[in-house]
Amino acid sequence: MQGMTGRPTKLLDDRERQPWLRKLDRATAAYEASRKRLDELVADARSAGVPLTAIAEHSPYSREWARRIADQIDALREKATSTDS
């Protein structure tokens, strides 16, 4: 019985594998950029006064994760501001 993703009948050689790895690299970069934008928006929304419960309802984060992410972004911004001065 095959697993949920199936097993290939043969493994790809390096040349055949490269297009797939490039696609994965591009998708990963896009995901990381989107995640960074979302995290920054969560912090901005909280700073603007949007309740964490509302942020959680409109994002993939729980209220607790939204708080943690906003705290982390705020700390990174504070650190960046203090080193720029």
C-alpha atoms as a PDB file:
ATOM      1  CA  MET A   1       0.000   0.000   0.000  1.00  0.00           C
ATOM      2  CA  GLN A   2       1.349   3.411  -0.935  1.00  0.00           C
ATOM      3  CA  GLY A   3       1.545   6.345   1.470  1.00  0.00           C
ATOM      4  CA  MET A   4      -0.686   9.359   1.061  1.00  0.00           C
ATOM      5  CA  THR A   5       1.788  11.106  -1.241  1.00  0.00           C
ATOM      6  CA  GLY A   6       2.709   7.960  -3.102  1.00  0.00           C
ATOM      7  CA  ARG A   7       6.141   6.591  -3.767  1.00  0.00           C
ATOM      8  CA  PRO A   8       7.903   7.338  -7.021  1.00  0.00           C
ATOM      9  CA  THR A   9       8.839   4.352  -9.131  1.00  0.00           C
ATOM     10  CA  LYS A  10      12.300   5.877  -9.563  1.00  0.00           C
ATOM     11  CA  LEU A  11      14.197   8.713  -7.945  1.00  0.00           C
ATOM     12  CA  LEU A  12      15.045  11.672 -10.141  1.00  0.00           C
ATOM     13  CA  ASP A  13      18.624  12.364 -11.041  1.00  0.00           C
ATOM     14  CA  ASP A  14      20.112  15.762 -10.255  1.00  0.00           C
ATOM     15  CA  ARG A  15      19.217  17.283 -13.641  1.00  0.00           C
ATOM     16  CA  GLU A  16      15.575  16.119 -13.404  1.00  0.00           C
ATOM     17  CA  ARG A  17      15.333  17.275  -9.797  1.00  0.00           C
ATOM     18  CA  GLN A  18      16.492  20.865 -10.409  1.00  0.00           C
ATOM     19  CA  PRO A  19      13.226  22.276 -11.862  1.00  0.00           C
ATOM     20  CA  TRP A  20      11.325  20.959  -8.834  1.00  0.00           C
ATOM     21  CA  LEU A  21      13.840  22.406  -6.415  1.00  0.00           C
ATOM     22  CA  ARG A  22      13.667  25.801  -8.144  1.00  0.00           C
ATOM     23  CA  LYS A  23       9.861  25.740  -7.830  1.00  0.00           C
ATOM     24  CA  LEU A  24      10.172  24.886  -4.151  1.00  0.00           C
ATOM     25  CA  ASP A  25      12.691  27.692  -3.638  1.00  0.00           C
ATOM     26  CA  ARG A  26      10.401  30.243  -5.315  1.00  0.00           C
ATOM     27  CA  ALA A  27       7.345  29.091  -3.362  1.00  0.00           C
ATOM     28  CA  THR A  28       9.291  29.145  -0.095  1.00  0.00           C
ATOM     29  CA  ALA A  29      10.553  32.680  -0.747  1.00  0.00           C
ATOM     30  CA  ALA A  30       7.022  33.874  -1.562  1.00  0.00           C
ATOM     31  CA  TYR A  31       5.663  32.192   1.567  1.00  0.00           C
ATOM     32  CA  GLU A  32       8.331  33.766   3.785  1.00  0.00           C
ATOM     33  CA  ALA A  33       7.675  37.234   2.335  1.00  0.00           C
ATOM     34  CA  SER A  34       3.908  36.847   2.797  1.00  0.00           C
ATOM     35  CA  ARG A  35       4.358  35.559   6.331  1.00  0.00           C
ATOM     36  CA  LYS A  36       6.604  38.519   7.195  1.00  0.00           C
ATOM     37  CA  ARG A  37       4.035  40.978   5.809  1.00  0.00           C
ATOM     38  CA  LEU A  38       1.238  39.263   7.739  1.00  0.00           C
ATOM     39  CA  ASP A  39       3.220  39.277  10.988  1.00  0.00           C
ATOM     40  CA  GLU A  40       4.001  42.983  10.592  1.00  0.00           C
ATOM     41  CA  LEU A  41       0.351  43.722   9.854  1.00  0.00           C
ATOM     42  CA  VAL A  42      -0.700  41.837  13.000  1.00  0.00           C
ATOM     43  CA  ALA A  43       1.639  44.037  15.045  1.00  0.00           C
ATOM     44  CA  ASP A  44       0.421  47.199  13.294  1.00  0.00           C
ATOM     45  CA  ALA A  45      -3.227  46.264  13.823  1.00  0.00           C
ATOM     46  CA  ARG A  46      -2.657  45.671  17.522  1.00  0.00           C
ATOM     47  CA  SER A  47      -0.776  48.969  17.838  1.00  0.00           C
ATOM     48  CA  ALA A  48      -3.676  50.713  16.122  1.00  0.00           C
ATOM     49  CA  GLY A  49      -6.069  49.321  18.739  1.00  0.00           C
ATOM     50  CA  VAL A  50      -7.591  46.306  16.976  1.00  0.00           C
ATOM     51  CA  PRO A  51      -8.394  43.717  19.658  1.00  0.00           C
ATOM     52  CA  LEU A  52      -6.414  40.471  19.546  1.00  0.00           C
ATOM     53  CA  THR A  53      -9.687  38.542  19.328  1.00  0.00           C
ATOM     54  CA  ALA A  54     -10.584  40.370  16.109  1.00  0.00           C
ATOM     55  CA  ILE A  55      -7.072  39.855  14.719  1.00  0.00           C
ATOM     56  CA  ALA A  56      -7.386  36.129  15.459  1.00  0.00           C
ATOM     57  CA  GLU A  57     -10.746  35.970  13.674  1.00  0.00           C
ATOM     58  CA  HIS A  58      -9.236  37.479  10.519  1.00  0.00           C
ATOM     59  CA  SER A  59      -5.873  35.724  10.450  1.00  0.00           C
ATOM     60  CA  PRO A  60      -4.611  32.155  10.727  1.00  0.00           C
ATOM     61  CA  TYR A  61      -3.371  32.876  14.277  1.00  0.00           C
ATOM     62  CA  SER A  62      -4.968  32.260  17.624  1.00  0.00           C
ATOM     63  CA  ARG A  63      -5.275  35.248  19.940  1.00  0.00           C
ATOM     64  CA  GLU A  64      -2.226  34.042  21.891  1.00  0.00           C
ATOM     65  CA  TRP A  65      -0.121  33.564  18.764  1.00  0.00           C
ATOM     66  CA  ALA A  66      -1.175  36.992  17.468  1.00  0.00           C
ATOM     67  CA  ARG A  67      -0.023  38.512  20.771  1.00  0.00           C
ATOM     68  CA  ARG A  68       3.302  36.664  20.662  1.00  0.00           C
ATOM     69  CA  ILE A  69       3.922  37.650  17.056  1.00  0.00           C
ATOM     70  CA  ALA A  70       3.042  41.301  17.735  1.00  0.00           C
ATOM     71  CA  ASP A  71       5.351  41.317  20.758  1.00  0.00           C
ATOM     72  CA  GLN A  72       8.169  39.816  18.687  1.00  0.00           C
ATOM     73  CA  ILE A  73       7.733  42.309  15.827  1.00  0.00           C
ATOM     74  CA  ASP A  74       7.558  45.212  18.280  1.00  0.00           C
ATOM     75  CA  ALA A  75      10.776  44.032  19.965  1.00  0.00           C
ATOM     76  CA  LEU A  76      12.550  43.698  16.612  1.00  0.00           C
ATOM     77  CA  ARG A  77      11.424  47.172  15.592  1.00  0.00           C
ATOM     78  CA  GLU A  78      12.523  48.645  18.905  1.00  0.00           C
ATOM     79  CA  LYS A  79      15.911  46.981  18.597  1.00  0.00           C
ATOM     80  CA  ALA A  80      16.313  48.249  15.014  1.00  0.00           C
ATOM     81  CA  THR A  81      15.360  51.782  16.111  1.00  0.00           C
ATOM     82  CA  SER A  82      17.783  51.750  19.027  1.00  0.00           C
ATOM     83  CA  THR A  83      20.689  50.597  16.834  1.00  0.00           C
ATOM     84  CA  ASP A  84      19.911  53.241  14.197  1.00  0.00           C
ATOM     85  CA  SER A  85      20.256  56.058  16.721  1.00  0.00           C
END
